[in-house]
Protein backbone atom coordinates (compact mmCIF):
# COMPACT_ATOMS: atom_id res chain seq x y z
CA MET A 1 44.88 -19.70 -45.18
CA SER A 2 42.91 -21.41 -47.97
CA LEU A 3 43.34 -20.40 -51.60
CA ILE A 4 39.85 -18.90 -51.45
CA GLY A 5 41.01 -16.68 -48.60
CA LYS A 6 44.04 -15.55 -50.59
CA PHE A 7 41.96 -15.00 -53.72
CA ALA A 8 39.59 -12.94 -51.57
CA THR A 9 42.44 -10.80 -50.21
CA VAL A 10 43.78 -9.92 -53.65
CA GLY A 11 40.37 -9.91 -55.32
CA GLY A 12 38.84 -7.71 -52.62
CA ALA A 13 41.57 -5.10 -52.97
CA THR A 14 41.28 -5.28 -56.76
CA LEU A 15 37.51 -4.93 -56.47
CA GLY A 16 38.00 -1.72 -54.50
CA SER A 17 40.28 -0.40 -57.23
CA ARG A 18 37.80 -1.33 -59.98
CA LEU A 19 34.88 0.28 -58.15
CA PHE A 20 36.82 3.51 -57.78
CA GLY A 21 37.70 3.08 -61.45
CA PHE A 22 34.00 3.05 -62.29
CA ILE A 23 33.51 6.32 -60.45
CA ARG A 24 36.48 7.78 -62.31
CA GLU A 25 35.13 6.67 -65.69
CA MET A 26 31.65 7.97 -64.91
CA LEU A 27 33.05 11.40 -64.07
CA MET A 28 35.34 11.36 -67.07
CA ALA A 29 32.54 10.33 -69.44
CA ALA A 30 30.46 13.26 -68.23
CA ALA A 31 33.41 15.66 -68.56
CA VAL A 32 34.83 14.70 -71.97
CA GLY A 33 32.45 12.08 -73.45
CA THR A 34 33.88 10.28 -76.49
CA GLY A 35 35.24 13.44 -78.11
CA PRO A 36 38.75 14.32 -79.32
CA VAL A 37 40.17 15.01 -75.85
CA ALA A 38 38.91 11.65 -74.59
CA ASP A 39 40.50 9.93 -77.59
CA ALA A 40 43.78 11.79 -77.02
CA PHE A 41 43.92 10.98 -73.30
CA ASN A 42 42.99 7.31 -73.71
CA ALA A 43 45.49 6.81 -76.52
CA ALA A 44 48.25 8.56 -74.56
CA PHE A 45 47.50 6.63 -71.35
CA ARG A 46 47.35 3.33 -73.21
CA PHE A 47 51.08 3.47 -74.00
CA PRO A 48 52.58 3.63 -70.47
CA ASN A 49 49.70 1.54 -69.12
CA THR A 50 50.48 -1.22 -71.62
CA PHE A 51 54.10 -1.34 -70.50
CA ARG A 52 52.93 -1.34 -66.89
CA ARG A 53 50.75 -4.38 -67.50
CA LEU A 54 53.58 -6.12 -69.35
CA PHE A 55 55.84 -5.67 -66.32
CA ALA A 56 53.34 -6.01 -63.48
CA GLU A 57 51.23 -8.89 -64.80
CA GLY A 58 53.88 -10.37 -67.07
CA ALA A 59 57.56 -10.30 -66.26
CA PHE A 60 57.61 -9.84 -62.49
CA ASN A 61 54.61 -11.89 -61.48
CA SER A 62 55.77 -14.64 -63.83
CA ALA A 63 59.58 -14.72 -64.00
CA PHE A 64 60.68 -12.87 -60.86
CA VAL A 65 58.40 -14.65 -58.36
CA PRO A 66 59.67 -18.25 -58.91
CA LEU A 67 63.32 -17.09 -58.87
CA PHE A 68 62.80 -14.99 -55.73
CA ALA A 69 61.03 -17.91 -54.02
CA LYS A 70 63.85 -20.25 -55.02
CA GLU A 71 66.42 -17.82 -53.60
CA ILE A 72 64.55 -17.72 -50.28
CA GLU A 73 64.53 -21.50 -50.06
CA ALA A 74 68.19 -21.83 -51.06
CA ASN A 75 69.84 -18.90 -49.26
CA GLY A 76 67.25 -17.51 -46.86
CA MET A 77 66.09 -13.93 -46.55
CA GLU A 78 69.59 -12.49 -46.87
CA GLY A 79 70.11 -14.22 -50.21
CA ALA A 80 66.73 -12.97 -51.38
CA ARG A 81 67.69 -9.42 -50.40
CA ARG A 82 70.93 -9.61 -52.40
CA PHE A 83 69.07 -10.95 -55.42
CA SER A 84 66.51 -8.14 -55.11
CA GLU A 85 69.23 -5.49 -54.99
CA GLU A 86 70.92 -6.96 -58.08
CA VAL A 87 67.64 -6.86 -59.99
CA PHE A 88 66.71 -3.41 -58.68
CA GLY A 89 70.01 -1.89 -59.83
CA VAL A 90 69.62 -3.20 -63.37
CA LEU A 91 65.90 -2.47 -63.59
CA PHE A 92 66.22 1.10 -62.29
CA THR A 93 69.00 1.91 -64.76
CA VAL A 94 67.16 0.42 -67.74
CA LEU A 95 63.93 2.22 -66.83
CA MET A 96 65.63 5.59 -66.54
CA ALA A 97 67.28 5.17 -69.94
CA LEU A 98 64.01 3.93 -71.48
CA THR A 99 62.06 6.87 -70.06
CA ILE A 100 64.50 9.43 -71.48
CA VAL A 101 64.51 7.79 -74.92
CA MET A 102 60.72 7.48 -75.03
CA GLU A 103 60.16 11.07 -73.91
CA LEU A 104 62.42 12.37 -76.68
CA SER A 105 60.81 10.06 -79.25
CA MET A 106 57.18 10.68 -78.31
CA PRO A 107 56.11 12.54 -81.50
CA PHE A 108 57.51 9.68 -83.61
CA LEU A 109 55.88 7.05 -81.38
CA VAL A 110 52.46 8.69 -81.55
CA ARG A 111 52.75 9.03 -85.32
CA THR A 112 53.79 5.40 -85.90
CA VAL A 113 52.79 3.23 -82.92
CA ILE A 114 50.21 4.82 -80.62
CA ALA A 115 47.73 6.61 -82.88
CA PRO A 116 48.77 7.07 -86.51
CA GLY A 117 45.16 7.96 -87.35
CA PHE A 118 45.56 11.22 -85.43
CA VAL A 119 48.16 12.62 -87.85
CA ASP A 120 45.44 14.18 -90.02
CA ASP A 121 44.16 16.14 -87.01
CA PRO A 122 47.08 18.34 -85.84
CA THR A 123 45.35 19.43 -82.61
CA LYS A 124 44.49 15.90 -81.52
CA PHE A 125 47.96 14.69 -82.50
CA GLU A 126 49.73 17.44 -80.52
CA ASN A 127 47.58 16.89 -77.46
CA THR A 128 48.27 13.15 -77.55
CA VAL A 129 52.03 13.76 -77.72
CA ARG A 130 51.96 16.17 -74.77
CA LEU A 131 49.70 13.99 -72.63
CA ALA A 132 51.81 10.89 -73.30
CA THR A 133 54.99 12.81 -72.44
CA ILE A 134 53.53 13.85 -69.08
CA MET A 135 52.33 10.33 -68.22
CA PHE A 136 55.22 8.15 -69.39
CA PRO A 137 57.24 8.35 -66.10
CA TYR A 138 54.32 6.40 -64.61
CA LEU A 139 55.86 3.35 -66.32
CA ALA A 140 59.11 3.55 -64.33
CA CYS A 141 57.30 3.91 -61.02
CA MET A 142 54.94 1.02 -61.70
CA SER A 143 57.64 -1.32 -63.01
CA LEU A 144 59.67 -0.87 -59.81
CA ALA A 145 56.46 -1.30 -57.83
CA ALA A 146 55.76 -4.52 -59.73
CA MET A 147 59.10 -5.95 -58.67
CA MET A 148 58.38 -5.14 -55.03
CA GLY A 149 54.86 -6.51 -55.39
CA GLY A 150 56.34 -9.79 -56.62
CA MET A 151 58.52 -9.91 -53.52
CA LEU A 152 55.51 -9.33 -51.29
CA ASN A 153 53.51 -12.05 -53.07
CA SER A 154 56.35 -14.54 -52.56
CA LEU A 155 56.29 -13.68 -48.86
CA HIS A 156 52.50 -14.24 -48.78
CA ARG A 157 51.86 -10.54 -48.16
CA TYR A 158 49.31 -9.87 -50.89
CA PHE A 159 47.37 -6.88 -49.60
CA ALA A 160 49.75 -3.93 -50.12
CA ALA A 161 50.51 -4.73 -53.77
CA ALA A 162 46.82 -5.32 -54.45
CA ILE A 163 45.58 -2.15 -52.71
CA ALA A 164 48.17 0.22 -54.25
CA PRO A 165 46.32 0.59 -57.60
CA VAL A 166 43.33 2.01 -55.72
CA PHE A 167 45.28 5.22 -55.29
CA LEU A 168 45.47 5.84 -59.04
CA ASN A 169 41.70 6.01 -59.17
CA VAL A 170 41.40 7.96 -55.91
CA ILE A 171 43.81 10.63 -57.18
CA LEU A 172 42.11 10.85 -60.59
CA ILE A 173 38.68 11.15 -58.96
CA GLY A 174 40.08 14.01 -56.90
CA VAL A 175 41.39 15.65 -60.07
CA LEU A 176 37.99 15.32 -61.78
CA ALA A 177 36.22 16.73 -58.74
CA LEU A 178 38.60 19.71 -58.76
CA ALA A 179 38.00 20.15 -62.50
CA TRP A 180 34.22 20.22 -61.92
CA TRP A 181 34.60 22.74 -59.08
CA LYS A 182 36.91 24.98 -61.14
CA HIS A 183 34.79 24.60 -64.30
CA TYR A 184 37.66 23.26 -66.43
CA ASP A 185 37.03 22.76 -70.12
CA ALA A 186 37.65 19.35 -71.74
CA LEU A 187 41.27 20.06 -72.66
CA GLN A 188 42.13 21.29 -69.17
CA VAL A 189 40.57 18.12 -67.76
CA GLY A 190 42.79 16.01 -70.03
CA TYR A 191 45.98 17.72 -68.88
CA ALA A 192 44.97 17.64 -65.20
CA LEU A 193 44.30 13.89 -65.46
CA SER A 194 47.71 13.32 -67.05
CA TRP A 195 49.52 15.02 -64.15
CA GLY A 196 47.35 12.99 -61.78
CA VAL A 197 48.49 9.74 -63.43
CA MET A 198 52.15 10.65 -62.94
CA ALA A 199 51.58 11.58 -59.28
CA ALA A 200 49.73 8.31 -58.69
CA GLY A 201 52.75 6.34 -59.92
CA PHE A 202 54.96 7.81 -57.18
CA VAL A 203 52.29 7.19 -54.52
CA GLN A 204 51.86 3.53 -55.50
CA LEU A 205 55.62 2.96 -55.53
CA ALA A 206 55.89 4.46 -52.04
CA ILE A 207 53.18 2.12 -50.71
CA VAL A 208 54.87 -1.12 -51.80
CA TRP A 209 58.34 0.16 -50.86
CA VAL A 210 57.14 0.73 -47.29
CA ALA A 211 55.45 -2.71 -47.27
CA VAL A 212 58.68 -4.43 -48.40
CA ARG A 213 60.65 -2.71 -45.64
CA HIS A 214 57.96 -3.72 -43.15
CA ALA A 215 58.33 -7.34 -44.36
CA GLY A 216 62.00 -7.21 -43.32
CA ILE A 217 63.78 -6.56 -46.63
CA LYS A 218 65.64 -3.28 -47.11
CA ILE A 219 66.66 -2.80 -50.73
CA GLY A 220 69.77 -0.72 -51.37
CA PHE A 221 71.00 0.46 -54.75
CA ARG A 222 73.78 -1.61 -56.33
CA ARG A 223 75.79 -0.76 -59.41
CA PRO A 224 74.05 -2.45 -62.38
CA LYS A 225 75.69 -5.79 -63.09
CA LEU A 226 74.53 -8.78 -65.12
CA THR A 227 74.99 -11.50 -62.50
CA GLY A 228 73.93 -15.08 -63.14
CA ASN A 229 70.61 -14.55 -61.38
CA VAL A 230 69.89 -11.37 -63.32
CA LYS A 231 70.71 -13.06 -66.63
CA ARG A 232 68.36 -15.91 -65.77
CA LEU A 233 65.64 -13.40 -64.91
CA LEU A 234 66.10 -11.58 -68.21
CA VAL A 235 65.92 -14.85 -70.16
CA LEU A 236 62.59 -15.64 -68.47
CA ALA A 237 61.23 -12.11 -68.26
CA LEU A 238 61.05 -11.14 -71.93
CA PRO A 239 58.80 -13.99 -73.08
CA ALA A 240 56.92 -13.83 -69.78
CA ALA A 241 56.21 -10.14 -70.26
CA ILE A 242 54.92 -10.74 -73.76
CA THR A 243 52.80 -13.69 -72.66
CA GLY A 244 51.41 -12.19 -69.48
CA GLY A 245 50.58 -8.95 -71.22
CA ILE A 246 49.02 -10.39 -74.36
CA THR A 247 45.72 -8.65 -73.66
CA GLN A 248 47.56 -5.34 -73.39
CA ILE A 249 49.54 -5.97 -76.57
CA ASN A 250 46.30 -6.59 -78.41
CA LEU A 251 44.77 -3.45 -76.90
CA LEU A 252 47.77 -1.36 -77.99
CA ILE A 253 47.55 -2.73 -81.52
CA ASN A 254 43.81 -2.17 -81.56
CA THR A 255 44.28 1.41 -80.32
CA ASN A 256 46.58 1.95 -83.28
CA ILE A 257 43.94 0.61 -85.68
CA ALA A 258 41.04 2.37 -83.92
CA SER A 259 42.73 5.77 -84.20
CA GLY A 260 41.38 5.83 -87.75
CA GLY A 261 37.82 6.40 -86.46
CA ASP A 262 36.37 9.24 -84.38
CA GLY A 263 35.46 8.20 -80.84
CA VAL A 264 36.40 4.53 -81.33
CA ILE A 265 39.36 4.57 -78.91
CA SER A 266 37.22 6.11 -76.17
CA SER A 267 34.33 3.69 -76.80
CA LEU A 268 36.69 0.72 -76.45
CA ALA A 269 38.18 2.22 -73.27
CA TYR A 270 34.79 2.77 -71.61
CA ALA A 271 33.65 -0.77 -72.43
CA ASP A 272 36.99 -2.16 -71.26
CA ARG A 273 36.59 -0.48 -67.86
CA ILE A 274 33.37 -2.42 -67.18
CA TYR A 275 34.71 -5.68 -68.58
CA GLN A 276 37.89 -5.34 -66.50
CA LEU A 277 35.91 -5.57 -63.25
CA PRO A 278 35.30 -9.35 -63.32
CA LEU A 279 38.53 -9.96 -65.26
CA GLY A 280 40.59 -8.01 -62.75
CA VAL A 281 38.92 -9.24 -59.58
CA VAL A 282 38.95 -12.93 -60.50
CA GLY A 283 41.68 -13.27 -63.13
CA ILE A 284 44.40 -11.19 -61.50
CA ALA A 285 43.64 -12.61 -58.05
CA VAL A 286 43.96 -16.18 -59.30
CA ALA A 287 47.13 -15.47 -61.30
CA THR A 288 48.76 -13.62 -58.39
CA VAL A 289 48.05 -16.32 -55.83
CA LEU A 290 48.25 -19.46 -57.98
CA LEU A 291 51.77 -18.93 -59.37
CA PRO A 292 53.74 -18.94 -56.07
CA GLU A 293 51.51 -21.68 -54.64
CA LEU A 294 51.92 -23.88 -57.71
CA ALA A 295 55.67 -23.23 -57.94
CA ARG A 296 56.07 -24.23 -54.29
CA ALA A 297 54.06 -27.43 -54.74
CA LEU A 298 56.06 -28.48 -57.81
CA ARG A 299 59.42 -27.74 -56.17
CA GLY A 300 58.36 -29.87 -53.22
CA GLY A 301 57.41 -32.76 -55.50
CA HIS A 302 53.74 -32.57 -54.51
CA ALA A 303 52.17 -33.49 -57.87
CA VAL A 304 48.76 -34.29 -56.41
CA GLU A 305 48.59 -30.95 -54.63
CA ALA A 306 49.65 -29.14 -57.83
CA ALA A 307 46.90 -30.88 -59.83
CA ASN A 308 44.33 -30.03 -57.18
CA LEU A 309 45.42 -26.38 -57.16
CA GLN A 310 44.98 -26.15 -60.92
CA ASN A 311 41.58 -27.84 -61.07
CA ARG A 312 40.13 -25.95 -58.12
CA SER A 313 41.37 -22.65 -59.58
CA VAL A 314 39.62 -23.29 -62.91
CA GLU A 315 36.51 -24.36 -61.04
CA PHE A 316 36.62 -21.15 -59.01
CA VAL A 317 37.12 -18.79 -61.95
CA LEU A 318 34.37 -20.40 -64.04
CA PHE A 319 31.99 -20.33 -61.08
CA LEU A 320 32.39 -16.54 -60.89
CA THR A 321 32.99 -15.51 -64.51
CA LEU A 322 30.30 -17.48 -66.37
CA PRO A 323 27.44 -15.47 -64.80
CA ALA A 324 29.38 -12.23 -65.33
CA ALA A 325 29.87 -13.09 -69.00
CA ALA A 326 26.17 -13.93 -69.42
CA ALA A 327 25.11 -10.69 -67.72
CA LEU A 328 27.40 -8.54 -69.89
CA LEU A 329 26.04 -10.22 -72.99
CA VAL A 330 22.35 -9.60 -72.31
CA MET A 331 22.26 -6.39 -70.26
CA ALA A 332 25.16 -4.34 -71.60
CA GLU A 333 23.02 -1.39 -72.76
CA PRO A 334 21.26 -0.60 -69.46
CA ILE A 335 24.59 -0.95 -67.63
CA VAL A 336 26.33 1.50 -69.97
CA ARG A 337 23.38 3.90 -69.92
CA PHE A 338 23.33 3.97 -66.12
CA LEU A 339 27.09 4.37 -65.71
CA TYR A 340 27.95 6.80 -68.48
CA GLU A 341 25.02 8.49 -70.21
CA ARG A 342 25.13 12.02 -68.85
CA GLY A 343 26.88 15.29 -69.65
CA ASN A 344 28.91 14.94 -72.85
CA PHE A 345 28.20 11.19 -73.17
CA SER A 346 25.39 10.86 -75.76
CA PRO A 347 22.72 8.11 -76.29
CA SER A 348 24.44 7.12 -79.55
CA ALA A 349 27.68 6.60 -77.61
CA THR A 350 25.73 4.33 -75.24
CA VAL A 351 24.66 2.09 -78.11
CA THR A 352 28.20 1.79 -79.47
CA VAL A 353 29.84 1.10 -76.10
CA ALA A 354 27.10 -1.44 -75.23
CA GLU A 355 27.72 -3.38 -78.45
CA ILE A 356 31.42 -3.57 -77.65
CA LEU A 357 30.76 -4.57 -74.03
CA GLY A 358 28.41 -7.40 -75.05
CA ILE A 359 31.11 -8.81 -77.32
CA TYR A 360 33.70 -8.52 -74.55
CA GLY A 361 31.38 -10.59 -72.35
CA LEU A 362 31.75 -13.52 -74.74
CA GLY A 363 35.52 -13.39 -74.28
CA LEU A 364 35.58 -12.97 -70.51
CA PRO A 365 35.90 -16.70 -69.63
CA ALA A 366 38.77 -17.08 -72.11
CA PHE A 367 40.86 -14.26 -70.65
CA VAL A 368 40.29 -15.45 -67.08
CA LEU A 369 41.19 -19.04 -68.03
CA ILE A 370 44.41 -17.76 -69.60
CA LYS A 371 45.31 -16.32 -66.18
CA ALA A 372 44.72 -19.76 -64.65
CA PHE A 373 46.56 -21.75 -67.36
CA ILE A 374 49.75 -19.66 -67.65
CA PRO A 375 51.05 -20.42 -64.10
CA GLY A 376 51.21 -24.09 -65.18
CA PHE A 377 54.02 -23.08 -67.55
CA PHE A 378 55.68 -20.32 -65.55
CA ALA A 379 55.90 -22.43 -62.37
CA ARG A 380 58.03 -24.84 -64.43
CA GLU A 381 60.12 -21.89 -65.73
CA ASP A 382 58.77 -22.40 -69.24
CA THR A 383 58.02 -18.95 -70.60
CA ARG A 384 58.81 -19.74 -74.24
CA THR A 385 55.76 -21.88 -75.04
CA PRO A 386 53.16 -19.36 -73.82
CA MET A 387 55.05 -16.64 -75.71
CA ILE A 388 54.68 -18.58 -78.96
CA PHE A 389 50.95 -19.03 -78.35
CA ALA A 390 50.67 -15.35 -77.47
CA ALA A 391 52.31 -14.44 -80.76
CA ILE A 392 49.82 -16.64 -82.63
CA SER A 393 46.90 -14.96 -80.88
CA VAL A 394 48.32 -11.50 -81.71
CA GLY A 395 48.41 -12.55 -85.35
CA VAL A 396 44.78 -13.66 -85.15
CA ASN A 397 43.80 -10.38 -83.49
CA VAL A 398 45.59 -8.14 -85.98
CA SER A 399 44.28 -10.02 -89.00
CA LEU A 400 40.68 -9.93 -87.80
CA ALA A 401 40.85 -6.33 -86.56
CA LEU A 402 42.18 -5.06 -89.88
CA THR A 403 39.49 -7.06 -91.70
CA LEU A 404 36.51 -6.14 -89.50
CA PHE A 405 37.27 -2.53 -88.50
CA PRO A 406 36.45 -0.88 -91.85
CA SER A 407 32.94 -2.40 -91.86
CA TYR A 408 32.07 -2.74 -88.16
CA GLY A 409 34.22 -0.17 -86.34
CA GLY A 410 34.67 -0.70 -82.59
CA PRO A 411 32.57 -3.92 -82.40
CA GLY A 412 34.79 -5.42 -85.12
CA ILE A 413 37.90 -4.74 -83.04
CA ALA A 414 36.23 -6.23 -79.95
CA THR A 415 35.37 -9.37 -81.95
CA ALA A 416 39.02 -9.70 -82.99
CA GLU A 417 40.14 -9.39 -79.35
CA ILE A 418 37.87 -12.09 -77.96
CA THR A 419 38.58 -14.49 -80.84
CA ALA A 420 42.31 -14.12 -80.18
CA GLY A 421 41.67 -14.75 -76.48
CA TRP A 422 39.86 -18.03 -77.09
CA VAL A 423 42.59 -19.17 -79.48
CA ASN A 424 45.24 -18.46 -76.84
CA ALA A 425 43.29 -20.22 -74.08
CA ALA A 426 42.71 -23.30 -76.25
CA LEU A 427 46.40 -23.56 -77.20
CA LEU A 428 47.58 -23.21 -73.58
CA PHE A 429 45.14 -25.81 -72.28
CA GLY A 430 45.88 -28.23 -75.13
CA MET A 431 49.63 -28.08 -74.50
CA LEU A 432 49.25 -28.59 -70.74
CA MET A 433 47.12 -31.68 -71.39
CA TRP A 434 49.48 -33.02 -74.08
CA ARG A 435 52.50 -32.71 -71.78
CA GLY A 436 50.66 -34.33 -68.87
CA HIS A 437 50.95 -31.18 -66.77
CA TRP A 438 47.20 -30.93 -66.28
CA LYS A 439 44.97 -33.79 -65.28
CA LEU A 440 41.26 -32.95 -65.15
CA ASP A 441 39.46 -34.50 -62.21
CA LEU A 442 35.88 -35.78 -62.13
CA PRO A 443 34.42 -33.02 -59.92
CA LEU A 444 35.52 -30.33 -62.39
CA LEU A 445 34.17 -32.23 -65.41
CA LEU A 446 30.81 -32.69 -63.68
CA ARG A 447 30.52 -29.08 -62.52
CA ILE A 448 31.34 -27.23 -65.75
CA PRO A 449 28.18 -28.21 -67.71
CA ARG A 450 26.01 -27.51 -64.66
CA LEU A 451 27.53 -24.04 -64.27
CA LEU A 452 26.90 -23.40 -67.97
CA ILE A 453 23.25 -24.38 -67.55
CA ALA A 454 22.90 -22.12 -64.50
CA ALA A 455 24.42 -19.17 -66.40
CA GLY A 456 22.20 -19.85 -69.41
CA LEU A 457 19.00 -19.91 -67.33
CA MET A 458 20.07 -16.69 -65.63
CA ALA A 459 20.67 -14.98 -68.99
CA PHE A 460 17.27 -16.17 -70.25
CA ALA A 461 15.55 -14.69 -67.20
CA ILE A 462 17.42 -11.36 -67.52
CA HIS A 463 16.46 -11.10 -71.19
CA TYR A 464 12.74 -11.25 -70.42
CA ALA A 465 13.07 -9.04 -67.35
CA LEU A 466 14.70 -6.32 -69.48
CA SER A 467 11.65 -6.25 -71.77
CA TYR A 468 9.31 -5.97 -68.79
CA PHE A 469 11.29 -3.11 -67.19
CA SER A 470 12.20 -1.34 -70.44
CA TYR A 471 10.79 2.04 -69.35
CA GLU A 472 12.38 1.94 -65.89
CA LEU A 473 15.79 1.30 -67.51
CA SER A 474 15.44 3.91 -70.27
CA SER A 475 16.98 7.37 -70.25
CA ALA A 476 13.46 8.79 -69.72
CA SER A 477 13.44 7.34 -66.21
CA ASN A 478 15.26 9.15 -63.40
CA LEU A 479 18.60 7.96 -62.08
CA ALA A 480 17.26 6.56 -58.79
CA VAL A 481 14.67 4.41 -60.58
CA ARG A 482 17.28 3.10 -63.02
CA ALA A 483 19.67 2.31 -60.16
CA GLY A 484 16.99 0.50 -58.16
CA THR A 485 15.81 -1.50 -61.17
CA LEU A 486 19.34 -2.53 -62.14
CA LEU A 487 20.09 -3.53 -58.56
CA ALA A 488 16.92 -5.62 -58.42
CA LEU A 489 17.82 -7.33 -61.70
CA VAL A 490 21.33 -8.09 -60.46
CA VAL A 491 20.06 -9.51 -57.17
CA GLY A 492 17.44 -11.57 -58.98
CA ALA A 493 20.03 -12.87 -61.43
CA MET A 494 22.33 -13.86 -58.57
CA VAL A 495 19.53 -15.73 -56.83
CA ILE A 496 18.75 -17.66 -60.01
CA TYR A 497 22.37 -18.46 -60.88
CA PHE A 498 23.58 -19.45 -57.43
CA GLY A 499 20.33 -21.26 -56.70
CA VAL A 500 20.59 -23.40 -59.84
CA ALA A 501 24.35 -23.88 -59.46
CA PHE A 502 24.13 -25.17 -55.90
CA ALA A 503 20.91 -27.13 -56.45
CA SER A 504 22.31 -28.93 -59.50
CA GLY A 505 25.64 -29.73 -57.88
CA GLY A 506 27.55 -27.31 -60.08
CA ALA A 507 28.90 -25.74 -56.91
CA ASN A 508 29.32 -26.91 -53.34
CA LEU A 509 30.86 -24.32 -51.06
CA GLY A 510 31.92 -26.77 -48.37
CA MET A 511 33.57 -29.08 -50.88
CA VAL A 512 35.34 -26.23 -52.65
CA LYS A 513 36.68 -24.86 -49.36
CA ARG A 514 37.95 -28.26 -48.27
CA GLY A 515 39.52 -28.92 -51.65
CA MET A 516 41.31 -25.60 -51.78
CA LYS A 517 42.88 -25.64 -48.33
CA ARG A 518 46.64 -25.80 -48.45
CA LYS A 519 48.58 -28.86 -47.41
CA PRO A 520 50.53 -28.68 -44.16
CA LYS A 521 53.62 -26.54 -44.50
CA THR A 522 57.04 -28.01 -44.83
CA ASP A 523 59.77 -26.84 -42.50
CA VAL A 524 61.17 -24.54 -45.20
CA GLN A 525 57.78 -23.01 -45.84
CA SER A 526 57.24 -22.42 -42.14
CA GLU A 527 60.51 -20.54 -41.95
CA ILE A 528 59.86 -18.21 -44.86
CA GLU A 529 56.22 -17.35 -44.19
CA PRO A 530 55.53 -14.38 -41.92
């Protein structure tokens, strides 16, 4: 299967999850708006969700995957099973201890880490503590699921781990539908959603556990022991978790800062949901697939194949994210109005969320490129360098957020986030080039400016189309008209962008497909692939 096919498998499943996520956010916006319950729920959910991202997109898709793949090549499937059991025993024990400690410390954590700005509002503070206490076990479930997802990715079975997150949104949509039917008030909705999050963690863990057994690996529980392999994993995992989850670290810090303003946490969360669609579909798909492919090519001594994988991946992500970034920049307000403005979500909330979303659009290419650059380090088992760059970007984010938030509120925090993202991307790329681990090829250098021109022309056309269809996109127009107009604008924008991109030579589907096909498998690869 070509890399495009693998990206499509993971990206398609992620797209399904994000689309269900949109439905969830639309229902939630109507139910609780950007009020105190929304702030409490989003702040409480941010904490376990941040740790989930650190494990799922950091430690175990960065440190565990290369070690698991190496174990398969060295000792076969039986050796990989033993390694998995060693890691599972340690991870399960640590997670249980962490969950107990965090549950008992939740009031302190909310007061100092999660949302110190809520302390002056006793009701909001108490609700945040209770909601976070209910949801925190989600972390343990998702961290174990992340380990099993890493195993599946190494075995080229991408679908189960990618489709599992869909069930979080499906369950929460069901909870919101029940809340609407039972006429729950905002606080009841918040508590029902929290129990739904915890239930979804167990469902997602069950899905990947079944998939791992179906792949031929049965994991038993072993007494926790720091074996050589486990120690190596821990050495790699800590910096990998920090590096891979830098976006989440910044979001957690920004949630802490944003708790000082009413409705800011919820506004950031609603904008983030939209922005996460292209970031999740493209960025996570590329990071998930590229790391094991790149690690395998480097271990086999195939330097040319590794360079081609890197260049074609960057080409692919820019081809898809540049138009998404341009669209978010120029048409954020009609998108937010269509998705959220109903029920308890007011027109003034639309303006605020749209400002934040437009700023996020400027940072979208940076965060997707980070996903493509980091495997170049992790595949070589270098997790320290990206961690240092991640720490620098966190410093940039915190400094700017503290400076801009008092004057600009949510948009100031969004500006800090995207600036930190570009700093991180530039440092990663510069180091790869300096070490000789990335060699740009001529096709990529020729295509990037042409893709930028195509995205710019598309944005210019959307800008003028928005003025022409201002009434059809306003809140005075009915929902069907707004939906039809937005769909027409999106289709028109796609025609312009893809037309210019292909006509100018910025993209060539046949060439990209040929360039991204995998080399013939070695004997070892043939043995380990299903």
